[in-house]
């Protein structure tokens, strides 16, 4: 009984740590953007212009010359446009979006590892690595779609893994939803669909 209570307390403390780590990761991104502004590139300008054109009732337009916004998927500028409808500037909205996405990556990855391995040390060590991951921090500071893409990719693979282990169709449906969101973040998300199709084709059980 005492051993069971100790394990329960250890689990609670682990999840508290994961939540604190996620908040810290979000804070790193948000404080950096609030101090210096988000990093802006050619892609960033295209997202902002598409969001503004949508707010103005002109649909998704590419900047520089009259053309539909097709070079990139629409989810990120759509989120920026939604924020713009509430008076939030695109540069500010991107900070919130990327900070929250980065925090969720840290929280979900750490919680998934702890749940699968039941090993507090590995979960905490991996979570710390993610919090201080320079590539993730770097892309999160830019007005880019990469952080959202990583989040949806992580969720898609987790749900696909749960489906392959348990065979619940609801998990497969969620994997499809997150794969679709990844595709709407970056066209590279189509690889998720192909990967899932290969796994499903070769899995044991009913086709």
N, C-alpha and C. Protein backbone atom coordinates (compact mmCIF):
# COMPACT_ATOMS: atom_id res chain seq x y z
N UNK A 1 0.83 -1.20 0.00
CA UNK A 1 0.00 0.00 0.00
C UNK A 1 0.86 1.26 0.00
N UNK A 2 1.89 1.24 0.84
CA UNK A 2 2.80 2.38 0.92
C UNK A 2 3.55 2.57 -0.39
N UNK A 3 3.97 1.45 -1.00
CA UNK A 3 4.68 1.50 -2.28
C UNK A 3 3.77 2.07 -3.36
N UNK A 4 2.49 1.68 -3.33
CA UNK A 4 1.52 2.17 -4.32
C UNK A 4 1.32 3.68 -4.17
N UNK A 5 1.24 4.14 -2.93
CA UNK A 5 1.08 5.58 -2.68
C UNK A 5 2.32 6.36 -3.14
N UNK A 6 3.48 5.76 -2.96
CA UNK A 6 4.72 6.41 -3.39
C UNK A 6 4.76 6.55 -4.91
N UNK A 7 4.32 5.49 -5.60
CA UNK A 7 4.28 5.55 -7.06
C UNK A 7 3.28 6.61 -7.55
N UNK A 8 2.15 6.70 -6.84
CA UNK A 8 1.14 7.69 -7.21
C UNK A 8 1.67 9.10 -7.02
N UNK A 9 2.35 9.32 -5.88
CA UNK A 9 2.94 10.63 -5.60
C UNK A 9 4.02 10.97 -6.62
N UNK A 10 4.82 9.97 -6.98
CA UNK A 10 5.87 10.18 -7.98
C UNK A 10 5.27 10.58 -9.32
N UNK A 11 4.15 9.93 -9.68
CA UNK A 11 3.48 10.26 -10.93
C UNK A 11 2.95 11.68 -10.93
N UNK A 12 2.35 12.08 -9.81
CA UNK A 12 1.81 13.45 -9.69
C UNK A 12 2.93 14.48 -9.81
N UNK A 13 4.04 14.23 -9.11
CA UNK A 13 5.17 15.15 -9.16
C UNK A 13 5.77 15.23 -10.56
N UNK A 14 5.78 14.10 -11.25
CA UNK A 14 6.30 14.08 -12.63
C UNK A 14 5.45 14.96 -13.54
N UNK A 15 4.12 14.83 -13.43
CA UNK A 15 3.24 15.63 -14.27
C UNK A 15 3.30 17.11 -13.90
N UNK A 16 3.51 17.41 -12.63
CA UNK A 16 3.69 18.80 -12.20
C UNK A 16 4.96 19.37 -12.85
N UNK A 17 6.02 18.57 -12.84
CA UNK A 17 7.27 19.00 -13.48
C UNK A 17 7.07 19.23 -14.98
N UNK A 18 6.35 18.32 -15.63
CA UNK A 18 6.11 18.45 -17.07
C UNK A 18 5.33 19.72 -17.38
N UNK A 19 4.33 20.02 -16.55
CA UNK A 19 3.55 21.24 -16.75
C UNK A 19 4.42 22.48 -16.56
N UNK A 20 5.28 22.46 -15.54
CA UNK A 20 6.19 23.59 -15.29
C UNK A 20 7.17 23.76 -16.45
N UNK A 21 7.65 22.63 -16.98
CA UNK A 21 8.58 22.69 -18.11
C UNK A 21 7.91 23.26 -19.34
N UNK A 22 6.65 22.88 -19.57
CA UNK A 22 5.90 23.40 -20.72
C UNK A 22 5.70 24.91 -20.61
N UNK A 23 5.36 25.37 -19.41
CA UNK A 23 5.18 26.81 -19.18
C UNK A 23 6.51 27.55 -19.39
N UNK A 24 7.60 26.95 -18.93
CA UNK A 24 8.93 27.55 -19.12
C UNK A 24 9.28 27.66 -20.60
N UNK A 25 9.00 26.60 -21.35
CA UNK A 25 9.28 26.61 -22.79
C UNK A 25 8.48 27.71 -23.50
N UNK A 26 7.20 27.81 -23.16
CA UNK A 26 6.36 28.86 -23.75
C UNK A 26 6.89 30.24 -23.38
N UNK A 27 7.33 30.37 -22.13
CA UNK A 27 7.85 31.66 -21.66
C UNK A 27 9.11 32.06 -22.43
N UNK A 28 10.00 31.10 -22.70
CA UNK A 28 11.22 31.40 -23.45
C UNK A 28 10.89 32.03 -24.80
N UNK A 29 9.93 31.44 -25.50
CA UNK A 29 9.56 31.93 -26.82
C UNK A 29 8.84 33.27 -26.72
N UNK A 30 7.87 33.35 -25.83
CA UNK A 30 7.06 34.56 -25.74
C UNK A 30 7.88 35.76 -25.29
N UNK A 31 8.76 35.58 -24.30
CA UNK A 31 9.54 36.71 -23.80
C UNK A 31 10.52 37.18 -24.87
N UNK A 32 11.06 36.25 -25.65
CA UNK A 32 11.99 36.62 -26.72
C UNK A 32 11.27 37.45 -27.79
N UNK A 33 10.07 37.00 -28.18
CA UNK A 33 9.32 37.71 -29.21
C UNK A 33 8.82 39.05 -28.69
N UNK A 34 8.39 39.09 -27.43
CA UNK A 34 7.88 40.34 -26.87
C UNK A 34 9.00 41.39 -26.75
N UNK A 35 10.24 40.95 -26.56
CA UNK A 35 11.36 41.89 -26.44
C UNK A 35 11.89 42.35 -27.79
N UNK A 36 12.00 41.43 -28.72
CA UNK A 36 12.67 41.74 -29.98
C UNK A 36 11.75 41.63 -31.20
N UNK A 37 10.53 41.13 -31.00
CA UNK A 37 9.65 40.89 -32.13
C UNK A 37 9.99 39.57 -32.80
N UNK A 38 9.06 39.01 -33.56
CA UNK A 38 9.34 37.73 -34.21
C UNK A 38 10.30 37.91 -35.38
N UNK A 39 11.01 36.84 -35.70
CA UNK A 39 11.86 36.87 -36.88
C UNK A 39 10.98 36.86 -38.13
N UNK A 40 11.29 37.72 -39.08
CA UNK A 40 10.48 37.85 -40.29
C UNK A 40 11.32 37.52 -41.52
N UNK A 41 10.73 36.73 -42.40
CA UNK A 41 11.38 36.36 -43.66
C UNK A 41 10.37 36.53 -44.79
N UNK A 42 10.77 36.11 -45.97
CA UNK A 42 9.88 36.14 -47.13
C UNK A 42 8.59 35.37 -46.85
N UNK A 43 8.72 34.18 -46.25
CA UNK A 43 7.55 33.38 -45.91
C UNK A 43 6.63 34.13 -44.94
N UNK A 44 7.24 34.78 -43.95
CA UNK A 44 6.46 35.52 -42.95
C UNK A 44 5.63 36.61 -43.61
N UNK A 45 6.25 37.33 -44.54
CA UNK A 45 5.54 38.40 -45.24
C UNK A 45 4.35 37.84 -46.01
N UNK A 46 4.52 36.66 -46.58
CA UNK A 46 3.42 36.04 -47.33
C UNK A 46 2.27 35.66 -46.40
N UNK A 47 2.59 35.12 -45.21
CA UNK A 47 1.54 34.76 -44.25
C UNK A 47 0.77 36.00 -43.80
N UNK A 48 1.50 37.07 -43.49
CA UNK A 48 0.86 38.30 -43.00
C UNK A 48 -0.02 38.91 -44.07
N UNK A 49 0.49 38.96 -45.30
CA UNK A 49 -0.29 39.57 -46.40
C UNK A 49 -1.56 38.76 -46.68
N UNK A 50 -1.42 37.41 -46.66
CA UNK A 50 -2.59 36.55 -46.90
C UNK A 50 -3.63 36.75 -45.81
N UNK A 51 -3.18 36.88 -44.56
CA UNK A 51 -4.11 37.11 -43.45
C UNK A 51 -4.83 38.45 -43.61
N UNK A 52 -4.08 39.49 -43.98
CA UNK A 52 -4.68 40.81 -44.15
C UNK A 52 -5.65 40.84 -45.32
N UNK A 53 -5.30 40.17 -46.41
CA UNK A 53 -6.20 40.14 -47.56
C UNK A 53 -7.49 39.39 -47.23
N UNK A 54 -7.39 38.37 -46.39
CA UNK A 54 -8.59 37.64 -45.97
C UNK A 54 -9.48 38.52 -45.09
N UNK A 55 -8.85 39.27 -44.18
CA UNK A 55 -9.61 40.17 -43.31
C UNK A 55 -10.32 41.24 -44.14
N UNK A 56 -9.67 41.69 -45.22
CA UNK A 56 -10.25 42.74 -46.07
C UNK A 56 -11.28 42.20 -47.06
N UNK A 57 -11.58 40.91 -46.98
CA UNK A 57 -12.60 40.33 -47.84
C UNK A 57 -12.12 40.01 -49.24
N UNK A 58 -10.81 39.89 -49.42
CA UNK A 58 -10.25 39.64 -50.74
C UNK A 58 -9.76 38.19 -50.90
N UNK A 59 -10.05 37.36 -49.92
CA UNK A 59 -9.59 35.98 -49.97
C UNK A 59 -8.11 35.88 -49.67
N UNK A 60 -7.56 34.69 -49.86
CA UNK A 60 -6.12 34.49 -49.65
C UNK A 60 -5.37 34.97 -50.89
N UNK A 61 -4.58 36.03 -50.76
CA UNK A 61 -3.80 36.55 -51.87
C UNK A 61 -2.32 36.52 -51.54
N UNK A 62 -1.51 36.31 -52.58
CA UNK A 62 -0.06 36.33 -52.43
C UNK A 62 0.43 37.77 -52.57
N UNK A 63 1.45 38.13 -51.84
CA UNK A 63 1.93 39.52 -51.89
C UNK A 63 2.88 39.72 -53.07
N UNK A 64 2.95 40.95 -53.54
CA UNK A 64 3.87 41.28 -54.63
C UNK A 64 3.21 41.39 -55.97
N UNK A 65 2.27 40.49 -56.25
CA UNK A 65 1.53 40.54 -57.51
C UNK A 65 0.22 39.77 -57.33
N UNK A 66 -0.81 40.11 -58.11
CA UNK A 66 -2.11 39.45 -57.94
C UNK A 66 -2.03 37.95 -58.23
N UNK A 67 -2.18 37.16 -57.20
CA UNK A 67 -2.10 35.71 -57.34
C UNK A 67 -2.69 35.06 -56.11
N UNK A 68 -3.36 33.93 -56.26
CA UNK A 68 -3.87 33.22 -55.07
C UNK A 68 -2.71 32.74 -54.19
N UNK A 69 -2.98 32.67 -52.90
CA UNK A 69 -1.99 32.20 -51.93
C UNK A 69 -1.97 30.67 -51.97
N UNK A 70 -1.08 30.11 -52.78
CA UNK A 70 -1.01 28.65 -52.94
C UNK A 70 0.35 28.08 -52.61
N UNK A 71 1.35 28.94 -52.46
CA UNK A 71 2.71 28.44 -52.20
C UNK A 71 2.82 27.77 -50.85
N UNK A 72 1.95 28.14 -49.90
CA UNK A 72 1.95 27.58 -48.56
C UNK A 72 0.52 27.21 -48.18
N UNK A 73 0.33 26.25 -47.28
CA UNK A 73 -1.02 25.89 -46.82
C UNK A 73 -1.66 27.05 -46.05
N UNK A 74 -2.98 27.02 -45.87
CA UNK A 74 -3.69 28.20 -45.34
C UNK A 74 -3.85 28.29 -43.83
N UNK A 75 -3.49 27.27 -43.05
CA UNK A 75 -3.85 27.29 -41.63
C UNK A 75 -3.23 28.46 -40.87
N UNK A 76 -1.92 28.69 -41.07
CA UNK A 76 -1.25 29.73 -40.28
C UNK A 76 -1.80 31.13 -40.58
N UNK A 77 -1.91 31.53 -41.85
CA UNK A 77 -2.52 32.84 -42.10
C UNK A 77 -3.97 32.92 -41.66
N UNK A 78 -4.67 31.77 -41.66
CA UNK A 78 -6.04 31.77 -41.17
C UNK A 78 -6.09 32.09 -39.68
N UNK A 79 -5.16 31.52 -38.92
CA UNK A 79 -5.08 31.82 -37.48
C UNK A 79 -4.70 33.28 -37.25
N UNK A 80 -3.78 33.79 -38.07
CA UNK A 80 -3.41 35.20 -37.96
C UNK A 80 -4.58 36.12 -38.29
N UNK A 81 -5.36 35.73 -39.30
CA UNK A 81 -6.53 36.52 -39.67
C UNK A 81 -7.58 36.49 -38.55
N UNK A 82 -7.76 35.33 -37.93
CA UNK A 82 -8.71 35.21 -36.83
C UNK A 82 -8.30 36.13 -35.67
N UNK A 83 -7.00 36.15 -35.37
CA UNK A 83 -6.50 37.05 -34.33
C UNK A 83 -6.70 38.50 -34.73
N UNK A 84 -6.49 38.78 -36.02
CA UNK A 84 -6.66 40.14 -36.52
C UNK A 84 -8.08 40.65 -36.38
N UNK A 85 -9.05 39.75 -36.46
CA UNK A 85 -10.45 40.15 -36.29
C UNK A 85 -10.72 40.64 -34.88
N UNK A 86 -9.86 40.24 -33.94
CA UNK A 86 -9.99 40.69 -32.55
C UNK A 86 -8.99 41.80 -32.22
N UNK A 87 -8.41 42.37 -33.27
CA UNK A 87 -7.51 43.50 -33.09
C UNK A 87 -6.11 43.14 -32.66
N UNK A 88 -5.73 41.86 -32.80
CA UNK A 88 -4.38 41.42 -32.42
C UNK A 88 -3.51 41.40 -33.67
N UNK A 89 -2.40 42.11 -33.63
CA UNK A 89 -1.49 42.17 -34.78
C UNK A 89 -0.91 40.79 -35.07
N UNK A 90 -0.60 40.56 -36.34
CA UNK A 90 -0.07 39.25 -36.75
C UNK A 90 1.24 38.92 -36.03
N UNK A 91 2.09 39.93 -35.85
CA UNK A 91 3.37 39.68 -35.16
C UNK A 91 3.16 39.28 -33.71
N UNK A 92 2.13 39.84 -33.08
CA UNK A 92 1.82 39.45 -31.70
C UNK A 92 1.16 38.08 -31.65
N UNK A 93 0.22 37.85 -32.57
CA UNK A 93 -0.49 36.57 -32.61
C UNK A 93 0.46 35.41 -32.84
N UNK A 94 1.45 35.61 -33.71
CA UNK A 94 2.39 34.52 -33.99
C UNK A 94 3.18 34.15 -32.74
N UNK A 95 3.46 35.15 -31.89
CA UNK A 95 4.16 34.86 -30.64
C UNK A 95 3.35 33.95 -29.74
N UNK A 96 2.05 34.27 -29.61
CA UNK A 96 1.17 33.43 -28.79
C UNK A 96 1.04 32.02 -29.39
N UNK A 97 0.83 31.95 -30.70
CA UNK A 97 0.64 30.65 -31.36
C UNK A 97 1.87 29.77 -31.19
N UNK A 98 3.04 30.32 -31.49
CA UNK A 98 4.26 29.52 -31.41
C UNK A 98 4.65 29.17 -29.99
N UNK A 99 4.42 30.11 -29.06
CA UNK A 99 4.75 29.83 -27.66
C UNK A 99 3.87 28.71 -27.11
N UNK A 100 2.57 28.78 -27.40
CA UNK A 100 1.66 27.74 -26.93
C UNK A 100 1.98 26.40 -27.57
N UNK A 101 2.26 26.42 -28.88
CA UNK A 101 2.59 25.17 -29.59
C UNK A 101 3.86 24.54 -29.04
N UNK A 102 4.87 25.36 -28.76
CA UNK A 102 6.12 24.85 -28.21
C UNK A 102 5.90 24.24 -26.83
N UNK A 103 5.11 24.92 -26.01
CA UNK A 103 4.80 24.39 -24.68
C UNK A 103 4.06 23.07 -24.76
N UNK A 104 3.13 22.95 -25.69
CA UNK A 104 2.37 21.71 -25.85
C UNK A 104 3.26 20.57 -26.34
N UNK A 105 4.22 20.89 -27.20
CA UNK A 105 5.17 19.86 -27.66
C UNK A 105 5.92 19.27 -26.47
N UNK A 106 6.41 20.15 -25.61
CA UNK A 106 7.16 19.71 -24.43
C UNK A 106 6.28 18.88 -23.51
N UNK A 107 5.07 19.37 -23.23
CA UNK A 107 4.16 18.68 -22.31
C UNK A 107 3.72 17.32 -22.86
N UNK A 108 3.28 17.29 -24.10
CA UNK A 108 2.75 16.06 -24.69
C UNK A 108 3.84 15.01 -24.87
N UNK A 109 5.01 15.43 -25.34
CA UNK A 109 6.10 14.47 -25.54
C UNK A 109 6.55 13.88 -24.21
N UNK A 110 6.69 14.72 -23.19
CA UNK A 110 7.11 14.23 -21.88
C UNK A 110 6.08 13.30 -21.26
N UNK A 111 4.80 13.70 -21.35
CA UNK A 111 3.73 12.87 -20.77
C UNK A 111 3.61 11.54 -21.51
N UNK A 112 3.78 11.56 -22.83
CA UNK A 112 3.68 10.32 -23.61
C UNK A 112 4.81 9.36 -23.24
N UNK A 113 6.02 9.91 -23.10
CA UNK A 113 7.15 9.06 -22.72
C UNK A 113 6.95 8.45 -21.34
N UNK A 114 6.48 9.27 -20.40
CA UNK A 114 6.27 8.76 -19.05
C UNK A 114 5.18 7.68 -19.03
N UNK A 115 4.14 7.90 -19.80
CA UNK A 115 3.04 6.95 -19.85
C UNK A 115 3.48 5.62 -20.48
N UNK A 116 4.31 5.71 -21.52
CA UNK A 116 4.73 4.50 -22.22
C UNK A 116 5.81 3.73 -21.46
N UNK A 117 6.77 4.45 -20.87
CA UNK A 117 7.92 3.79 -20.27
C UNK A 117 7.83 3.66 -18.76
N UNK A 118 6.95 4.47 -18.14
CA UNK A 118 6.83 4.48 -16.67
C UNK A 118 8.19 4.75 -16.02
N UNK A 119 8.97 5.59 -16.68
CA UNK A 119 10.30 5.90 -16.19
C UNK A 119 10.41 7.41 -16.01
N UNK A 120 10.39 7.86 -14.76
CA UNK A 120 10.42 9.29 -14.46
C UNK A 120 11.70 9.94 -14.96
N UNK A 121 12.83 9.27 -14.77
CA UNK A 121 14.12 9.85 -15.15
C UNK A 121 14.18 10.16 -16.64
N UNK A 122 13.79 9.19 -17.46
CA UNK A 122 13.84 9.38 -18.92
C UNK A 122 12.88 10.48 -19.35
N UNK A 123 11.67 10.49 -18.76
CA UNK A 123 10.67 11.51 -19.11
C UNK A 123 11.19 12.91 -18.78
N UNK A 124 11.77 13.06 -17.61
CA UNK A 124 12.28 14.37 -17.19
C UNK A 124 13.48 14.79 -18.02
N UNK A 125 14.40 13.87 -18.26
CA UNK A 125 15.60 14.17 -19.04
C UNK A 125 15.22 14.60 -20.46
N UNK A 126 14.30 13.87 -21.08
CA UNK A 126 13.86 14.21 -22.44
C UNK A 126 13.16 15.55 -22.45
N UNK A 127 12.33 15.80 -21.45
CA UNK A 127 11.61 17.07 -21.38
C UNK A 127 12.56 18.25 -21.25
N UNK A 128 13.58 18.11 -20.42
CA UNK A 128 14.58 19.17 -20.28
C UNK A 128 15.29 19.42 -21.61
N UNK A 129 15.59 18.33 -22.32
CA UNK A 129 16.22 18.46 -23.63
C UNK A 129 15.35 19.23 -24.61
N UNK A 130 14.04 18.99 -24.55
CA UNK A 130 13.12 19.70 -25.43
C UNK A 130 13.00 21.18 -25.06
N UNK A 131 12.95 21.46 -23.78
CA UNK A 131 12.83 22.86 -23.32
C UNK A 131 14.00 23.69 -23.84
N UNK A 132 15.20 23.10 -23.84
CA UNK A 132 16.40 23.82 -24.27
C UNK A 132 16.84 23.43 -25.68
N UNK A 133 15.91 22.88 -26.46
CA UNK A 133 16.23 22.49 -27.83
C UNK A 133 16.40 23.74 -28.70
N UNK A 134 17.62 24.02 -29.11
CA UNK A 134 17.89 25.24 -29.88
C UNK A 134 17.14 25.28 -31.22
N UNK A 135 17.06 24.15 -31.97
CA UNK A 135 16.29 24.21 -33.22
C UNK A 135 14.82 24.56 -33.00
N UNK A 136 14.20 23.96 -31.97
CA UNK A 136 12.80 24.27 -31.70
C UNK A 136 12.61 25.71 -31.24
N UNK A 137 13.49 26.18 -30.38
CA UNK A 137 13.41 27.56 -29.92
C UNK A 137 13.61 28.52 -31.08
N UNK A 138 14.57 28.20 -31.95
CA UNK A 138 14.89 29.08 -33.06
C UNK A 138 13.70 29.24 -34.02
N UNK A 139 13.11 28.12 -34.44
CA UNK A 139 12.00 28.22 -35.38
C UNK A 139 10.76 28.82 -34.73
N UNK A 140 10.62 28.64 -33.40
CA UNK A 140 9.47 29.18 -32.69
C UNK A 140 9.54 30.70 -32.58
N UNK A 141 10.73 31.26 -32.67
CA UNK A 141 10.88 32.71 -32.56
C UNK A 141 10.55 33.42 -33.88
N UNK A 142 10.42 32.65 -34.95
CA UNK A 142 10.10 33.23 -36.25
C UNK A 142 8.59 33.15 -36.53
N UNK A 143 8.13 34.01 -37.38
CA UNK A 143 6.74 33.95 -37.81
C UNK A 143 6.66 32.88 -38.90
N UNK A 144 6.76 31.64 -38.45
CA UNK A 144 6.79 30.48 -39.33
C UNK A 144 5.79 29.43 -38.85
N UNK A 145 5.59 28.42 -39.68
CA UNK A 145 4.62 27.36 -39.38
C UNK A 145 5.26 26.12 -38.76
N UNK A 146 6.59 26.09 -38.66
CA UNK A 146 7.28 24.87 -38.25
C UNK A 146 6.84 24.33 -36.90
N UNK A 147 6.65 25.21 -35.92
CA UNK A 147 6.30 24.74 -34.58
C UNK A 147 4.94 24.06 -34.57
N UNK A 148 3.97 24.64 -35.25
CA UNK A 148 2.65 24.01 -35.36
C UNK A 148 2.76 22.66 -36.07
N UNK A 149 3.58 22.61 -37.11
CA UNK A 149 3.75 21.37 -37.87
C UNK A 149 4.32 20.26 -36.99
N UNK A 150 5.33 20.60 -36.20
CA UNK A 150 5.92 19.60 -35.29
C UNK A 150 4.89 19.11 -34.28
N UNK A 151 4.07 20.03 -33.75
CA UNK A 151 3.05 19.66 -32.78
C UNK A 151 2.04 18.69 -33.38
N UNK A 152 1.52 19.00 -34.55
CA UNK A 152 0.52 18.13 -35.18
C UNK A 152 1.12 16.81 -35.62
N UNK A 153 2.38 16.83 -36.05
CA UNK A 153 3.05 15.58 -36.43
C UNK A 153 3.22 14.67 -35.22
N UNK A 154 3.64 15.25 -34.10
CA UNK A 154 3.77 14.49 -32.86
C UNK A 154 2.45 13.85 -32.46
N UNK A 155 1.37 14.64 -32.48
CA UNK A 155 0.05 14.13 -32.10
C UNK A 155 -0.44 13.05 -33.06
N UNK A 156 -0.17 13.23 -34.35
CA UNK A 156 -0.60 12.25 -35.34
C UNK A 156 0.07 10.90 -35.11
N UNK A 157 1.37 10.91 -34.84
CA UNK A 157 2.09 9.65 -34.62
C UNK A 157 1.68 9.00 -33.30
N UNK A 158 1.41 9.81 -32.28
CA UNK A 158 0.96 9.24 -31.01
C UNK A 158 -0.38 8.54 -31.18
N UNK A 159 -1.31 9.19 -31.86
CA UNK A 159 -2.63 8.60 -32.06
C UNK A 159 -2.57 7.39 -32.99
N UNK A 160 -1.70 7.44 -33.98
CA UNK A 160 -1.54 6.28 -34.86
C UNK A 160 -0.98 5.10 -34.08
N UNK A 161 -0.01 5.38 -33.21
CA UNK A 161 0.55 4.32 -32.37
C UNK A 161 -0.48 3.71 -31.45
N UNK A 162 -1.35 4.56 -30.88
CA UNK A 162 -2.41 4.05 -30.01
C UNK A 162 -3.39 3.18 -30.78
N UNK A 163 -3.67 3.57 -32.02
CA UNK A 163 -4.56 2.74 -32.84
C UNK A 163 -3.94 1.39 -33.16
N UNK A 164 -2.66 1.39 -33.50
CA UNK A 164 -1.99 0.14 -33.84
C UNK A 164 -1.90 -0.78 -32.63
N UNK A 165 -1.84 -0.21 -31.42
CA UNK A 165 -1.76 -1.02 -30.20
C UNK A 165 -3.13 -1.50 -29.73
N UNK A 166 -4.14 -0.64 -29.86
CA UNK A 166 -5.46 -0.94 -29.29
C UNK A 166 -6.52 -1.26 -30.33
N UNK A 167 -6.31 -0.79 -31.55
CA UNK A 167 -7.29 -1.08 -32.61
C UNK A 167 -8.56 -0.28 -32.53
N UNK A 168 -8.57 0.83 -31.76
CA UNK A 168 -9.77 1.66 -31.65
C UNK A 168 -9.85 2.63 -32.83
N UNK A 169 -10.99 2.60 -33.52
CA UNK A 169 -11.14 3.45 -34.70
C UNK A 169 -11.13 4.94 -34.35
N UNK A 170 -11.52 5.28 -33.12
CA UNK A 170 -11.50 6.69 -32.72
C UNK A 170 -10.08 7.24 -32.72
N UNK A 171 -9.10 6.40 -32.33
CA UNK A 171 -7.70 6.83 -32.35
C UNK A 171 -7.21 7.05 -33.78
N UNK A 172 -7.66 6.18 -34.69
CA UNK A 172 -7.31 6.35 -36.10
C UNK A 172 -7.91 7.64 -36.65
N UNK A 173 -9.14 7.93 -36.23
CA UNK A 173 -9.80 9.17 -36.68
C UNK A 173 -9.02 10.39 -36.20
N UNK A 174 -8.57 10.36 -34.92
CA UNK A 174 -7.79 11.47 -34.40
C UNK A 174 -6.46 11.59 -35.13
N UNK A 175 -5.85 10.45 -35.47
CA UNK A 175 -4.61 10.48 -36.24
C UNK A 175 -4.85 11.15 -37.59
N UNK A 176 -6.00 10.88 -38.19
CA UNK A 176 -6.36 11.52 -39.45
C UNK A 176 -6.55 13.02 -39.31
N UNK A 177 -7.20 13.42 -38.21
CA UNK A 177 -7.42 14.86 -37.96
C UNK A 177 -6.10 15.59 -37.82
N UNK A 178 -5.20 15.04 -37.01
CA UNK A 178 -3.92 15.71 -36.79
C UNK A 178 -3.04 15.67 -38.04
N UNK A 179 -3.15 14.61 -38.83
CA UNK A 179 -2.42 14.56 -40.09
C UNK A 179 -2.93 15.64 -41.04
N UNK A 180 -4.25 15.83 -41.06
CA UNK A 180 -4.83 16.87 -41.90
C UNK A 180 -4.37 18.26 -41.46
N UNK A 181 -4.32 18.48 -40.15
CA UNK A 181 -3.85 19.77 -39.63
C UNK A 181 -2.38 20.00 -39.97
N UNK A 182 -1.59 18.92 -39.93
CA UNK A 182 -0.19 19.03 -40.33
C UNK A 182 -0.08 19.42 -41.80
N UNK A 183 -0.92 18.81 -42.65
CA UNK A 183 -0.93 19.16 -44.08
C UNK A 183 -1.35 20.61 -44.29
N UNK A 184 -2.27 21.10 -43.45
CA UNK A 184 -2.71 22.48 -43.56
C UNK A 184 -1.69 23.46 -43.00
N UNK A 185 -0.68 22.95 -42.30
CA UNK A 185 0.40 23.78 -41.78
C UNK A 185 1.57 23.83 -42.76
N UNK A 186 1.93 22.64 -43.27
CA UNK A 186 2.99 22.53 -44.27
C UNK A 186 2.63 21.40 -45.22
N UNK A 187 2.86 21.61 -46.50
CA UNK A 187 2.51 20.58 -47.48
C UNK A 187 3.25 19.28 -47.22
N UNK A 188 4.39 19.37 -46.52
CA UNK A 188 5.17 18.17 -46.19
C UNK A 188 4.34 17.20 -45.35
N UNK A 189 3.24 17.67 -44.76
CA UNK A 189 2.39 16.82 -43.96
C UNK A 189 1.82 15.64 -44.72
N UNK A 190 1.84 15.71 -46.05
CA UNK A 190 1.32 14.59 -46.85
C UNK A 190 2.13 13.32 -46.58
N UNK A 191 3.38 13.48 -46.13
CA UNK A 191 4.21 12.32 -45.80
C UNK A 191 3.58 11.53 -44.65
N UNK A 192 2.92 12.24 -43.73
CA UNK A 192 2.23 11.56 -42.62
C UNK A 192 1.16 10.63 -43.14
N UNK A 193 0.41 11.10 -44.13
CA UNK A 193 -0.67 10.30 -44.70
C UNK A 193 -0.09 9.04 -45.36
N UNK A 194 0.99 9.22 -46.12
CA UNK A 194 1.62 8.07 -46.78
C UNK A 194 2.19 7.09 -45.77
N UNK A 195 2.81 7.63 -44.71
CA UNK A 195 3.38 6.77 -43.67
C UNK A 195 2.29 5.97 -42.97
N UNK A 196 1.19 6.64 -42.62
CA UNK A 196 0.08 5.96 -41.96
C UNK A 196 -0.50 4.88 -42.86
N UNK A 197 -0.61 5.18 -44.14
CA UNK A 197 -1.16 4.20 -45.09
C UNK A 197 -0.30 2.95 -45.15
N UNK A 198 1.02 3.13 -45.13
CA UNK A 198 1.93 1.97 -45.16
C UNK A 198 1.78 1.14 -43.89
N UNK A 199 1.72 1.81 -42.74
CA UNK A 199 1.54 1.09 -41.47
C UNK A 199 0.23 0.31 -41.47
N UNK A 200 -0.83 0.94 -41.94
CA UNK A 200 -2.14 0.29 -41.93
C UNK A 200 -2.18 -0.89 -42.90
N UNK A 201 -1.47 -0.77 -44.02
CA UNK A 201 -1.48 -1.83 -45.02
C UNK A 201 -0.80 -3.09 -44.50
N UNK A 202 0.26 -2.91 -43.70
CA UNK A 202 1.05 -4.05 -43.26
C UNK A 202 0.71 -4.49 -41.84
N UNK A 203 -0.23 -3.83 -41.17
CA UNK A 203 -0.56 -4.22 -39.80
C UNK A 203 -1.30 -5.56 -39.79
N UNK A 204 -1.20 -6.24 -38.67
CA UNK A 204 -1.89 -7.51 -38.53
C UNK A 204 -3.37 -7.24 -38.23
N UNK A 205 -4.20 -8.21 -38.59
CA UNK A 205 -5.62 -8.07 -38.34
C UNK A 205 -6.40 -7.79 -39.61
N UNK A 206 -7.64 -7.38 -39.44
CA UNK A 206 -8.51 -7.12 -40.59
C UNK A 206 -8.02 -5.93 -41.39
N UNK A 207 -8.11 -6.03 -42.70
CA UNK A 207 -7.65 -4.95 -43.55
C UNK A 207 -8.53 -3.72 -43.37
